[in-house]
Amino acid sequence: MRRWSGMEILREIQNNEQRTAVALGYFDGVHLGHQAVLRKACALAREYGAAPAALTFDMRAHRAQAKGKGDLDSYEHRAQRIEEMGIRMLVQLDFGAVSEMSPETFVRTVLGKEGINAAAVCCGADFRFGRGRAGDVALLQSLGERYGFVVQVVPEVLFDGTPVSTSRIKECAARGEIEQAAALLGHPYSFSLTVCEDKKLARRLGFPTINQRFPQELLAPRFGVYQSRVELFGKSYDGISNIGVRPSVGNDREIMLETHIIDYSGDLYGRMVTVELVRFMRDEKKFDSVEALREQVVSDIETVRRWTETQGGKED
C-alpha cells in the first residue's frame, strides 16, 4: 500500500474491514462520464456510511503497445484526478490477476467481504467483468444481492447529444481538436511528465525549452505545434509546445513534448511538470535552415501573445 496525499492506493485487497462504496471502471482520462460515476460513489458512501473508493485495472503489462492504443493519461496523473473527486481509496489491480476469474469469483473475492467489502457499487451501463468479459451490469446486480451490496448504474453523460467516451476524446486528439477534447474531459487536456536533458538546439536559437519524453503507454495527439499553458510555482505561463519527432532536429523517431515557456527562465531538469494543451496551431514540419526555424518560433510566440490578449489576458 502507498498513500497519494489523503488517498490510499492499493495493489491488492483482502478482507478489508471498512465497508466501501465503489466506483468501477478503467477511468482513462477521468472524463465527464467517469466523473459522474465517481460522484455517485461519493454519494453512496455518504448514504451507507462507507468509505468512497474506486476500483480500476492496471493494463500496462498486458496490452499490446500498438500505435493509437495508448491511454490519455498516466496512472499517476489519473490517481490525482480521482482523488480530487473525493475518493479516499483507489484499488489498482493488475489486469492479469483478475482477467481469468469467472464473474462470480470476481464479485466474491474482489468486491465482496473477502475483498474490498462493498456496501454499494456503481458503474456505467457498459461495464463488463470476468473471463471473456462475460459479466454485464444485470449479472453484477444479481450477484450483488447474493454477496451483500447494492449496484447502481450511472446513466451515460451526453455532450452535444452524443455520449462522452474515451474513444471519442482520442478521436478529437488525433485530429488536433484539443478544445473539444478538453470539453469532453471536463478539465484541460494535459500531460504530467518528467523534464529530461536534450540536445539544447532551442536554447541556441534563443528559445530554451523543457523536453519531456512520451511513454509508450500514452497516446500522443496529432503531431504539431500547440499553444499551451504551464503552471510553475503558483504562476501560470503561456507556452508553445511541439509534439512529435522533431524532423528539424534529428532522425530519431522518439516522440517528444518540447515546450518553450514564454517569459520564464529557470532550470526544471528532473521535475515533473504538467503541460496543458490549449489549441492546435500548425502541423510539425522540417525547416530548411536554423534561421527559418527561428523565424517560425518568433512568429508562433507573437501569435500566442495576440491570442492571449484577445482572450482578456491570463491570470497569474
C-alpha atoms as a PDB file:
ATOM      1  CA  MET A   1       0.000   0.000   0.000  1.00  0.00           C
ATOM      2  CA  ARG A   2       1.062   3.574  -0.609  1.00  0.00           C
ATOM      3  CA  ARG A   3      -0.667   6.851   0.120  1.00  0.00           C
ATOM      4  CA  TRP A   4      -1.282   9.530  -2.510  1.00  0.00           C
ATOM      5  CA  SER A   5      -1.824  12.615  -0.382  1.00  0.00           C
ATOM      6  CA  GLY A   6      -5.037  11.739   1.515  1.00  0.00           C
ATOM      7  CA  MET A   7      -5.918   8.709  -0.629  1.00  0.00           C
ATOM      8  CA  GLU A   8      -4.729   5.132  -0.153  1.00  0.00           C
ATOM      9  CA  ILE A   9      -3.567   3.335  -3.290  1.00  0.00           C
ATOM     10  CA  LEU A  10      -3.746  -0.456  -3.030  1.00  0.00           C
ATOM     11  CA  ARG A  11      -2.354  -3.014  -5.450  1.00  0.00           C
ATOM     12  CA  GLU A  12      -4.194  -5.907  -3.818  1.00  0.00           C
ATOM     13  CA  ILE A  13      -7.046  -6.322  -1.345  1.00  0.00           C
ATOM     14  CA  GLN A  14      -8.089  -8.959   1.125  1.00  0.00           C
ATOM     15  CA  ASN A  15     -10.667  -8.836   3.917  1.00  0.00           C
ATOM     16  CA  ASN A  16     -10.983  -5.057   4.015  1.00  0.00           C
ATOM     17  CA  GLU A  17     -12.651  -4.285   7.360  1.00  0.00           C
ATOM     18  CA  GLN A  18     -14.294  -0.972   6.454  1.00  0.00           C
ATOM     19  CA  ARG A  19     -17.369  -1.045   4.207  1.00  0.00           C
ATOM     20  CA  THR A  20     -16.874   0.820   0.927  1.00  0.00           C
ATOM     21  CA  ALA A  21     -18.884   2.448  -1.837  1.00  0.00           C
ATOM     22  CA  VAL A  22     -17.028   1.555  -5.023  1.00  0.00           C
ATOM     23  CA  ALA A  23     -16.830   3.174  -8.450  1.00  0.00           C
ATOM     24  CA  LEU A  24     -15.846   0.616 -11.103  1.00  0.00           C
ATOM     25  CA  GLY A  25     -14.061   1.450 -14.350  1.00  0.00           C
ATOM     26  CA  TYR A  26     -10.796   1.996 -16.162  1.00  0.00           C
ATOM     27  CA  PHE A  27     -11.129   5.792 -15.829  1.00  0.00           C
ATOM     28  CA  ASP A  28      -8.736   6.656 -18.662  1.00  0.00           C
ATOM     29  CA  GLY A  29      -8.740  10.458 -18.808  1.00  0.00           C
ATOM     30  CA  VAL A  30     -11.241  10.757 -15.913  1.00  0.00           C
ATOM     31  CA  HIS A  31     -13.669  12.382 -18.353  1.00  0.00           C
ATOM     32  CA  LEU A  32     -17.180  13.707 -17.694  1.00  0.00           C
ATOM     33  CA  GLY A  33     -18.683  10.215 -17.776  1.00  0.00           C
ATOM     34  CA  HIS A  34     -16.132   8.871 -15.309  1.00  0.00           C
ATOM     35  CA  GLN A  35     -16.692  11.875 -13.064  1.00  0.00           C
ATOM     36  CA  ALA A  36     -20.400  11.053 -12.872  1.00  0.00           C
ATOM     37  CA  VAL A  37     -19.572   7.513 -11.674  1.00  0.00           C
ATOM     38  CA  LEU A  38     -17.052   8.808  -9.120  1.00  0.00           C
ATOM     39  CA  ARG A  39     -19.521  11.387  -7.786  1.00  0.00           C
ATOM     40  CA  LYS A  40     -22.141   8.646  -7.414  1.00  0.00           C
ATOM     41  CA  ALA A  41     -19.657   6.563  -5.359  1.00  0.00           C
ATOM     42  CA  CYS A  42     -19.138   9.523  -3.041  1.00  0.00           C
ATOM     43  CA  ALA A  43     -22.905   9.990  -2.692  1.00  0.00           C
ATOM     44  CA  LEU A  44     -23.383   6.282  -1.949  1.00  0.00           C
ATOM     45  CA  ALA A  45     -20.578   6.467   0.622  1.00  0.00           C
ATOM     46  CA  ARG A  46     -22.493   9.169   2.490  1.00  0.00           C
ATOM     47  CA  GLU A  47     -25.740   7.210   2.217  1.00  0.00           C
ATOM     48  CA  TYR A  48     -24.256   3.954   3.541  1.00  0.00           C
ATOM     49  CA  GLY A  49     -21.710   5.391   5.947  1.00  0.00           C
ATOM     50  CA  ALA A  50     -18.917   3.813   3.899  1.00  0.00           C
ATOM     51  CA  ALA A  51     -15.541   4.882   2.520  1.00  0.00           C
ATOM     52  CA  PRO A  52     -15.637   6.282  -1.053  1.00  0.00           C
ATOM     53  CA  ALA A  53     -13.486   4.006  -3.209  1.00  0.00           C
ATOM     54  CA  ALA A  54     -12.630   3.343  -6.847  1.00  0.00           C
ATOM     55  CA  LEU A  55     -11.504   0.066  -8.378  1.00  0.00           C
ATOM     56  CA  THR A  56      -9.612   0.034 -11.656  1.00  0.00           C
ATOM     57  CA  PHE A  57      -7.246  -2.186 -13.622  1.00  0.00           C
ATOM     58  CA  ASP A  58      -3.582  -1.801 -14.486  1.00  0.00           C
ATOM     59  CA  MET A  59      -3.177  -2.866 -18.118  1.00  0.00           C
ATOM     60  CA  ARG A  60       0.491  -1.961 -18.673  1.00  0.00           C
ATOM     61  CA  ALA A  61       1.874  -5.496 -18.640  1.00  0.00           C
ATOM     62  CA  HIS A  62      -0.949  -6.957 -20.722  1.00  0.00           C
ATOM     63  CA  ARG A  63      -1.678  -4.514 -23.533  1.00  0.00           C
ATOM     64  CA  ALA A  64      -0.004  -4.538 -26.951  1.00  0.00           C
ATOM     65  CA  GLN A  65       1.675  -1.177 -27.460  1.00  0.00           C
ATOM     66  CA  ALA A  66       0.365  -0.564 -30.965  1.00  0.00           C
ATOM     67  CA  LYS A  67       0.140   2.911 -32.447  1.00  0.00           C
ATOM     68  CA  GLY A  68      -3.008   4.691 -31.329  1.00  0.00           C
ATOM     69  CA  LYS A  69      -3.639   2.262 -28.463  1.00  0.00           C
ATOM     70  CA  GLY A  70      -2.157   4.334 -25.660  1.00  0.00           C
ATOM     71  CA  ASP A  71      -4.001   5.936 -22.758  1.00  0.00           C
ATOM     72  CA  LEU A  72      -4.958   9.574 -22.392  1.00  0.00           C
ATOM     73  CA  ASP A  73      -3.081   9.946 -19.127  1.00  0.00           C
ATOM     74  CA  SER A  74      -0.640   8.157 -16.853  1.00  0.00           C
ATOM     75  CA  TYR A  75      -1.789   6.077 -13.896  1.00  0.00           C
ATOM     76  CA  GLU A  76      -0.230   8.641 -11.537  1.00  0.00           C
ATOM     77  CA  HIS A  77      -1.996  11.580 -13.184  1.00  0.00           C
ATOM     78  CA  ARG A  78      -5.248   9.600 -13.194  1.00  0.00           C
ATOM     79  CA  ALA A  79      -4.924   8.853  -9.480  1.00  0.00           C
ATOM     80  CA  GLN A  80      -4.533  12.553  -8.776  1.00  0.00           C
ATOM     81  CA  ARG A  81      -7.737  13.389 -10.613  1.00  0.00           C
ATOM     82  CA  ILE A  82      -9.632  10.543  -8.937  1.00  0.00           C
ATOM     83  CA  GLU A  83      -8.564  11.828  -5.525  1.00  0.00           C
ATOM     84  CA  GLU A  84      -9.751  15.312  -6.459  1.00  0.00           C
ATOM     85  CA  MET A  85     -13.224  13.827  -6.987  1.00  0.00           C
ATOM     86  CA  GLY A  86     -13.354  12.858  -3.295  1.00  0.00           C
ATOM     87  CA  ILE A  87     -12.253   9.211  -3.490  1.00  0.00           C
ATOM     88  CA  ARG A  88     -10.254   8.048  -0.449  1.00  0.00           C
ATOM     89  CA  MET A  89      -9.284   4.504  -1.523  1.00  0.00           C
ATOM     90  CA  LEU A  90      -8.053   3.596  -5.010  1.00  0.00           C
ATOM     91  CA  VAL A  91      -7.534  -0.075  -5.828  1.00  0.00           C
ATOM     92  CA  GLN A  92      -5.390  -0.673  -8.945  1.00  0.00           C
ATOM     93  CA  LEU A  93      -5.499  -4.399  -9.666  1.00  0.00           C
ATOM     94  CA  ASP A  94      -3.200  -5.993 -12.197  1.00  0.00           C
ATOM     95  CA  PHE A  95      -5.434  -6.978 -15.104  1.00  0.00           C
ATOM     96  CA  GLY A  96      -3.774 -10.369 -15.408  1.00  0.00           C
ATOM     97  CA  ALA A  97      -4.712 -11.219 -11.839  1.00  0.00           C
ATOM     98  CA  VAL A  98      -8.451 -10.834 -12.463  1.00  0.00           C
ATOM     99  CA  SER A  99      -8.955 -11.320 -16.223  1.00  0.00           C
ATOM    100  CA  GLU A 100      -9.357 -15.113 -15.941  1.00  0.00           C
ATOM    101  CA  MET A 101     -11.722 -15.051 -12.961  1.00  0.00           C
ATOM    102  CA  SER A 102     -15.307 -16.085 -13.515  1.00  0.00           C
ATOM    103  CA  PRO A 103     -17.773 -13.235 -12.940  1.00  0.00           C
ATOM    104  CA  GLU A 104     -18.902 -14.768  -9.645  1.00  0.00           C
ATOM    105  CA  THR A 105     -15.339 -15.273  -8.402  1.00  0.00           C
ATOM    106  CA  PHE A 106     -14.585 -11.644  -9.214  1.00  0.00           C
ATOM    107  CA  VAL A 107     -17.614 -10.438  -7.264  1.00  0.00           C
ATOM    108  CA  ARG A 108     -16.952 -12.740  -4.290  1.00  0.00           C
ATOM    109  CA  THR A 109     -13.197 -12.236  -3.924  1.00  0.00           C
ATOM    110  CA  VAL A 110     -12.761  -8.672  -5.183  1.00  0.00           C
ATOM    111  CA  LEU A 111     -15.986  -6.810  -4.406  1.00  0.00           C
ATOM    112  CA  GLY A 112     -17.382  -8.915  -1.564  1.00  0.00           C
ATOM    113  CA  LYS A 113     -16.331  -9.354   2.059  1.00  0.00           C
ATOM    114  CA  GLU A 114     -13.240 -11.330   1.007  1.00  0.00           C
ATOM    115  CA  GLY A 115     -12.024  -8.255  -0.884  1.00  0.00           C
ATOM    116  CA  ILE A 116     -12.987  -4.593  -0.808  1.00  0.00           C
ATOM    117  CA  ASN A 117     -16.114  -5.257   1.305  1.00  0.00           C
ATOM    118  CA  ALA A 118     -18.521  -3.206  -0.796  1.00  0.00           C
ATOM    119  CA  ALA A 119     -21.778  -1.923   0.631  1.00  0.00           C
ATOM    120  CA  ALA A 120     -22.586  -0.287  -2.703  1.00  0.00           C
ATOM    121  CA  VAL A 121     -21.129  -0.394  -6.202  1.00  0.00           C
ATOM    122  CA  CYS A 122     -21.680   1.930  -9.164  1.00  0.00           C
ATOM    123  CA  CYS A 123     -20.598   1.769 -12.783  1.00  0.00           C
ATOM    124  CA  GLY A 124     -21.540   2.785 -16.307  1.00  0.00           C
ATOM    125  CA  ALA A 125     -24.080   0.796 -18.296  1.00  0.00           C
ATOM    126  CA  ASP A 126     -21.354  -0.713 -20.493  1.00  0.00           C
ATOM    127  CA  PHE A 127     -19.233  -2.109 -17.636  1.00  0.00           C
ATOM    128  CA  ARG A 128     -18.092  -5.711 -18.261  1.00  0.00           C
ATOM    129  CA  PHE A 129     -16.157  -8.038 -15.973  1.00  0.00           C
ATOM    130  CA  GLY A 130     -14.908 -11.590 -15.603  1.00  0.00           C
ATOM    131  CA  ARG A 131     -13.321 -14.047 -18.019  1.00  0.00           C
ATOM    132  CA  GLY A 132     -14.048 -13.105 -21.625  1.00  0.00           C
ATOM    133  CA  ARG A 133     -15.971 -10.024 -20.418  1.00  0.00           C
ATOM    134  CA  ALA A 134     -18.828 -12.408 -19.672  1.00  0.00           C
ATOM    135  CA  GLY A 135     -20.339 -10.351 -16.862  1.00  0.00           C
ATOM    136  CA  ASP A 136     -22.616  -7.368 -17.533  1.00  0.00           C
ATOM    137  CA  VAL A 137     -24.439  -4.963 -15.217  1.00  0.00           C
ATOM    138  CA  ALA A 138     -27.513  -7.216 -14.947  1.00  0.00           C
ATOM    139  CA  LEU A 139     -25.335 -10.068 -13.674  1.00  0.00           C
ATOM    140  CA  LEU A 140     -23.467  -7.679 -11.384  1.00  0.00           C
ATOM    141  CA  GLN A 141     -26.762  -6.588  -9.824  1.00  0.00           C
ATOM    142  CA  SER A 142     -27.843 -10.198  -9.357  1.00  0.00           C
ATOM    143  CA  LEU A 143     -24.536 -11.210  -7.778  1.00  0.00           C
ATOM    144  CA  GLY A 144     -24.542  -8.060  -5.647  1.00  0.00           C
ATOM    145  CA  GLU A 145     -27.779  -9.208  -3.995  1.00  0.00           C
ATOM    146  CA  ARG A 146     -26.154 -12.569  -3.231  1.00  0.00           C
ATOM    147  CA  TYR A 147     -22.964 -11.089  -1.802  1.00  0.00           C
ATOM    148  CA  GLY A 148     -24.429  -8.223   0.176  1.00  0.00           C
ATOM    149  CA  PHE A 149     -24.118  -4.995  -1.814  1.00  0.00           C
ATOM    150  CA  VAL A 150     -26.351  -2.823  -3.973  1.00  0.00           C
ATOM    151  CA  VAL A 151     -25.464  -1.867  -7.548  1.00  0.00           C
ATOM    152  CA  GLN A 152     -26.406   1.411  -9.191  1.00  0.00           C
ATOM    153  CA  VAL A 153     -25.895   2.018 -12.902  1.00  0.00           C
ATOM    154  CA  VAL A 154     -24.964   5.608 -13.776  1.00  0.00           C
ATOM    155  CA  PRO A 155     -26.582   6.914 -16.978  1.00  0.00           C
ATOM    156  CA  GLU A 156     -24.218   7.907 -19.775  1.00  0.00           C
ATOM    157  CA  VAL A 157     -23.270  11.575 -19.971  1.00  0.00           C
ATOM    158  CA  LEU A 158     -24.124  13.335 -23.227  1.00  0.00           C
ATOM    159  CA  PHE A 159     -22.232  16.215 -24.799  1.00  0.00           C
ATOM    160  CA  ASP A 160     -23.815  17.842 -27.862  1.00  0.00           C
ATOM    161  CA  GLY A 161     -26.274  14.950 -27.894  1.00  0.00           C
ATOM    162  CA  THR A 162     -23.592  12.229 -28.121  1.00  0.00           C
ATOM    163  CA  PRO A 163     -22.240  10.059 -25.266  1.00  0.00           C
ATOM    164  CA  VAL A 164     -18.924  11.103 -23.766  1.00  0.00           C
ATOM    165  CA  SER A 165     -16.368   8.320 -24.171  1.00  0.00           C
ATOM    166  CA  THR A 166     -12.633   7.795 -24.102  1.00  0.00           C
ATOM    167  CA  SER A 167     -12.666   6.750 -27.762  1.00  0.00           C
ATOM    168  CA  ARG A 168     -14.441   9.979 -28.737  1.00  0.00           C
ATOM    169  CA  ILE A 169     -11.808  12.031 -26.908  1.00  0.00           C
ATOM    170  CA  LYS A 170      -8.998  10.079 -28.583  1.00  0.00           C
ATOM    171  CA  GLU A 171     -10.518  10.806 -31.981  1.00  0.00           C
ATOM    172  CA  CYS A 172     -10.542  14.518 -31.147  1.00  0.00           C
ATOM    173  CA  ALA A 173      -6.891  14.329 -30.053  1.00  0.00           C
ATOM    174  CA  ALA A 174      -5.907  12.555 -33.267  1.00  0.00           C
ATOM    175  CA  ARG A 175      -7.394  15.454 -35.244  1.00  0.00           C
ATOM    176  CA  GLY A 176      -5.804  18.107 -33.028  1.00  0.00           C
ATOM    177  CA  GLU A 177      -9.213  19.227 -31.739  1.00  0.00           C
ATOM    178  CA  ILE A 178      -7.865  19.946 -28.277  1.00  0.00           C
ATOM    179  CA  GLU A 179     -10.562  22.393 -27.201  1.00  0.00           C
ATOM    180  CA  GLN A 180     -13.243  19.798 -27.944  1.00  0.00           C
ATOM    181  CA  ALA A 181     -11.240  17.094 -26.142  1.00  0.00           C
ATOM    182  CA  ALA A 182     -10.925  19.319 -23.065  1.00  0.00           C
ATOM    183  CA  ALA A 183     -14.674  19.994 -23.093  1.00  0.00           C
ATOM    184  CA  LEU A 184     -15.376  16.243 -23.107  1.00  0.00           C
ATOM    185  CA  LEU A 185     -12.816  15.636 -20.381  1.00  0.00           C
ATOM    186  CA  GLY A 186     -14.186  18.399 -18.175  1.00  0.00           C
ATOM    187  CA  HIS A 187     -10.640  19.545 -17.470  1.00  0.00           C
ATOM    188  CA  PRO A 188      -7.609  20.640 -19.519  1.00  0.00           C
ATOM    189  CA  TYR A 189      -6.044  18.145 -21.928  1.00  0.00           C
ATOM    190  CA  SER A 190      -2.664  17.829 -20.257  1.00  0.00           C
ATOM    191  CA  PHE A 191       0.392  15.677 -19.612  1.00  0.00           C
ATOM    192  CA  SER A 192       2.454  15.391 -16.417  1.00  0.00           C
ATOM    193  CA  LEU A 193       5.927  14.193 -17.417  1.00  0.00           C
ATOM    194  CA  THR A 194       9.486  14.483 -16.161  1.00  0.00           C
ATOM    195  CA  VAL A 195      11.715  17.117 -17.774  1.00  0.00           C
ATOM    196  CA  CYS A 196      14.778  15.484 -19.330  1.00  0.00           C
ATOM    197  CA  GLU A 197      18.092  16.564 -20.841  1.00  0.00           C
ATOM    198  CA  ASP A 198      18.132  17.134 -24.593  1.00  0.00           C
ATOM    199  CA  LYS A 199      20.204  18.497 -27.499  1.00  0.00           C
ATOM    200  CA  LYS A 200      19.635  22.157 -26.478  1.00  0.00           C
ATOM    201  CA  LEU A 201      19.129  23.367 -30.076  1.00  0.00           C
ATOM    202  CA  ALA A 202      16.227  25.556 -28.963  1.00  0.00           C
ATOM    203  CA  ARG A 203      18.435  27.190 -26.335  1.00  0.00           C
ATOM    204  CA  ARG A 204      20.995  28.029 -29.018  1.00  0.00           C
ATOM    205  CA  LEU A 205      18.189  29.603 -31.031  1.00  0.00           C
ATOM    206  CA  GLY A 206      17.383  31.845 -28.075  1.00  0.00           C
ATOM    207  CA  PHE A 207      14.208  29.982 -27.071  1.00  0.00           C
ATOM    208  CA  PRO A 208      15.019  27.444 -24.334  1.00  0.00           C
ATOM    209  CA  THR A 209      12.559  24.590 -23.947  1.00  0.00           C
ATOM    210  CA  ILE A 210      11.666  21.908 -21.487  1.00  0.00           C
ATOM    211  CA  ASN A 211      11.750  18.458 -23.080  1.00  0.00           C
ATOM    212  CA  GLN A 212       9.594  15.542 -21.969  1.00  0.00           C
ATOM    213  CA  ARG A 213       9.553  12.020 -23.428  1.00  0.00           C
ATOM    214  CA  PHE A 214       6.217  10.400 -24.210  1.00  0.00           C
ATOM    215  CA  PRO A 215       5.992   6.991 -22.517  1.00  0.00           C
ATOM    216  CA  GLN A 216       4.822   4.187 -24.795  1.00  0.00           C
ATOM    217  CA  GLU A 217       1.633   3.755 -22.800  1.00  0.00           C
ATOM    218  CA  LEU A 218       0.460   7.312 -23.549  1.00  0.00           C
ATOM    219  CA  LEU A 219      -1.429   8.316 -26.661  1.00  0.00           C
ATOM    220  CA  ALA A 220       0.253  11.220 -28.468  1.00  0.00           C
ATOM    221  CA  PRO A 221      -2.210  13.648 -30.070  1.00  0.00           C
ATOM    222  CA  ARG A 222      -1.805  14.927 -33.618  1.00  0.00           C
ATOM    223  CA  PHE A 223       1.814  15.862 -34.247  1.00  0.00           C
ATOM    224  CA  GLY A 224       2.335  19.579 -34.465  1.00  0.00           C
ATOM    225  CA  VAL A 225       2.665  22.830 -32.569  1.00  0.00           C
ATOM    226  CA  TYR A 226       0.187  23.780 -29.860  1.00  0.00           C
ATOM    227  CA  GLN A 227      -0.451  26.792 -27.735  1.00  0.00           C
ATOM    228  CA  SER A 228      -0.009  25.554 -24.195  1.00  0.00           C
ATOM    229  CA  ARG A 229      -0.075  26.589 -20.566  1.00  0.00           C
ATOM    230  CA  VAL A 230       2.283  25.630 -17.771  1.00  0.00           C
ATOM    231  CA  GLU A 231       1.747  26.132 -14.030  1.00  0.00           C
ATOM    232  CA  LEU A 232       5.013  26.715 -12.197  1.00  0.00           C
ATOM    233  CA  PHE A 233       5.384  27.652  -8.546  1.00  0.00           C
ATOM    234  CA  GLY A 234       1.862  29.049  -8.333  1.00  0.00           C
ATOM    235  CA  LYS A 235       2.045  31.094 -11.533  1.00  0.00           C
ATOM    236  CA  SER A 236       0.538  30.407 -14.972  1.00  0.00           C
ATOM    237  CA  TYR A 237       2.674  30.837 -18.108  1.00  0.00           C
ATOM    238  CA  ASP A 238       1.754  30.716 -21.773  1.00  0.00           C
ATOM    239  CA  GLY A 239       3.813  28.338 -23.868  1.00  0.00           C
ATOM    240  CA  ILE A 240       4.398  26.855 -27.288  1.00  0.00           C
ATOM    241  CA  SER A 241       4.616  23.073 -27.388  1.00  0.00           C
ATOM    242  CA  ASN A 242       5.793  20.841 -30.194  1.00  0.00           C
ATOM    243  CA  ILE A 243       4.619  17.230 -30.099  1.00  0.00           C
ATOM    244  CA  GLY A 244       6.258  14.791 -32.468  1.00  0.00           C
ATOM    245  CA  VAL A 245       9.619  13.522 -33.647  1.00  0.00           C
ATOM    246  CA  ARG A 246      11.144  16.960 -34.375  1.00  0.00           C
ATOM    247  CA  PRO A 247      12.254  16.456 -38.002  1.00  0.00           C
ATOM    248  CA  SER A 248      14.409  19.596 -37.934  1.00  0.00           C
ATOM    249  CA  VAL A 249      16.484  18.273 -35.018  1.00  0.00           C
ATOM    250  CA  GLY A 250      17.435  14.730 -35.976  1.00  0.00           C
ATOM    251  CA  ASN A 251      16.383  11.405 -37.401  1.00  0.00           C
ATOM    252  CA  ASP A 252      15.304   9.608 -34.231  1.00  0.00           C
ATOM    253  CA  ARG A 253      11.664   8.560 -34.015  1.00  0.00           C
ATOM    254  CA  GLU A 254      11.208   9.119 -30.298  1.00  0.00           C
ATOM    255  CA  ILE A 255       8.085  11.144 -29.571  1.00  0.00           C
ATOM    256  CA  MET A 256       8.827  14.245 -27.526  1.00  0.00           C
ATOM    257  CA  LEU A 257       6.838  17.052 -25.953  1.00  0.00           C
ATOM    258  CA  GLU A 258       9.018  20.161 -26.284  1.00  0.00           C
ATOM    259  CA  THR A 259       7.738  23.387 -24.710  1.00  0.00           C
ATOM    260  CA  HIS A 260       9.039  26.944 -24.768  1.00  0.00           C
ATOM    261  CA  ILE A 261       7.594  28.640 -21.678  1.00  0.00           C
ATOM    262  CA  ILE A 262       7.113  32.303 -22.579  1.00  0.00           C
ATOM    263  CA  ASP A 263       8.641  34.789 -20.116  1.00  0.00           C
ATOM    264  CA  TYR A 264      10.064  32.063 -17.857  1.00  0.00           C
ATOM    265  CA  SER A 265      13.705  31.371 -17.111  1.00  0.00           C
ATOM    266  CA  GLY A 266      14.853  28.614 -14.800  1.00  0.00           C
ATOM    267  CA  ASP A 267      16.188  25.068 -14.512  1.00  0.00           C
ATOM    268  CA  LEU A 268      13.444  22.435 -14.443  1.00  0.00           C
ATOM    269  CA  TYR A 269      15.519  19.310 -15.185  1.00  0.00           C
ATOM    270  CA  GLY A 270      14.240  16.272 -13.320  1.00  0.00           C
ATOM    271  CA  ARG A 271      10.987  17.928 -12.263  1.00  0.00           C
ATOM    272  CA  MET A 272       7.541  16.578 -13.002  1.00  0.00           C
ATOM    273  CA  VAL A 273       5.874  19.366 -14.978  1.00  0.00           C
ATOM    274  CA  THR A 274       2.274  19.478 -16.225  1.00  0.00           C
ATOM    275  CA  VAL A 275       1.767  20.960 -19.692  1.00  0.00           C
ATOM    276  CA  GLU A 276      -1.806  21.835 -20.690  1.00  0.00           C
ATOM    277  CA  LEU A 277      -2.546  21.961 -24.408  1.00  0.00           C
ATOM    278  CA  VAL A 278      -4.815  24.900 -25.265  1.00  0.00           C
ATOM    279  CA  ARG A 279      -5.249  24.737 -29.050  1.00  0.00           C
ATOM    280  CA  PHE A 280      -3.629  23.362 -32.191  1.00  0.00           C
ATOM    281  CA  MET A 281      -1.623  25.926 -34.169  1.00  0.00           C
ATOM    282  CA  ARG A 282       0.116  24.164 -37.064  1.00  0.00           C
ATOM    283  CA  ASP A 283       1.487  20.844 -38.243  1.00  0.00           C
ATOM    284  CA  GLU A 284       5.010  19.730 -37.445  1.00  0.00           C
ATOM    285  CA  LYS A 285       7.376  20.282 -40.371  1.00  0.00           C
ATOM    286  CA  LYS A 286      11.035  20.131 -41.319  1.00  0.00           C
ATOM    287  CA  PHE A 287      12.707  23.520 -41.842  1.00  0.00           C
ATOM    288  CA  ASP A 288      15.369  24.147 -44.475  1.00  0.00           C
ATOM    289  CA  SER A 289      17.558  26.122 -42.083  1.00  0.00           C
ATOM    290  CA  VAL A 290      18.009  27.007 -38.444  1.00  0.00           C
ATOM    291  CA  GLU A 291      17.170  30.625 -39.280  1.00  0.00           C
ATOM    292  CA  ALA A 292      13.867  29.594 -40.848  1.00  0.00           C
ATOM    293  CA  LEU A 293      13.054  27.617 -37.689  1.00  0.00           C
ATOM    294  CA  ARG A 294      13.944  30.599 -35.504  1.00  0.00           C
ATOM    295  CA  GLU A 295      11.703  32.902 -37.535  1.00  0.00           C
ATOM    296  CA  GLN A 296       8.813  30.493 -37.207  1.00  0.00           C
ATOM    297  CA  VAL A 297       9.228  30.312 -33.429  1.00  0.00           C
ATOM    298  CA  VAL A 298       9.207  34.128 -33.228  1.00  0.00           C
ATOM    299  CA  SER A 299       6.004  34.143 -35.281  1.00  0.00           C
ATOM    300  CA  ASP A 300       4.438  31.466 -33.054  1.00  0.00           C
ATOM    301  CA  ILE A 301       5.216  33.457 -29.896  1.00  0.00           C
ATOM    302  CA  GLU A 302       3.596  36.557 -31.375  1.00  0.00           C
ATOM    303  CA  THR A 303       0.535  34.519 -32.348  1.00  0.00           C
ATOM    304  CA  VAL A 304       0.194  33.237 -28.784  1.00  0.00           C
ATOM    305  CA  ARG A 305       0.623  36.722 -27.293  1.00  0.00           C
ATOM    306  CA  ARG A 306      -2.073  38.170 -29.596  1.00  0.00           C
ATOM    307  CA  TRP A 307      -4.458  35.290 -28.847  1.00  0.00           C
ATOM    308  CA  THR A 308      -3.960  35.724 -25.096  1.00  0.00           C
ATOM    309  CA  GLU A 309      -4.643  39.455 -25.367  1.00  0.00           C
ATOM    310  CA  THR A 310      -7.890  38.848 -27.266  1.00  0.00           C
ATOM    311  CA  GLN A 311      -8.968  36.388 -24.563  1.00  0.00           C
ATOM    312  CA  GLY A 312      -8.546  39.041 -21.882  1.00  0.00           C
ATOM    313  CA  GLY A 313      -5.086  38.067 -20.705  1.00  0.00           C
ATOM    314  CA  LYS A 314      -4.064  35.297 -18.359  1.00  0.00           C
ATOM    315  CA  GLU A 315      -4.375  35.087 -14.609  1.00  0.00           C
ATOM    316  CA  ASP A 316      -1.200  34.915 -12.585  1.00  0.00           C
END
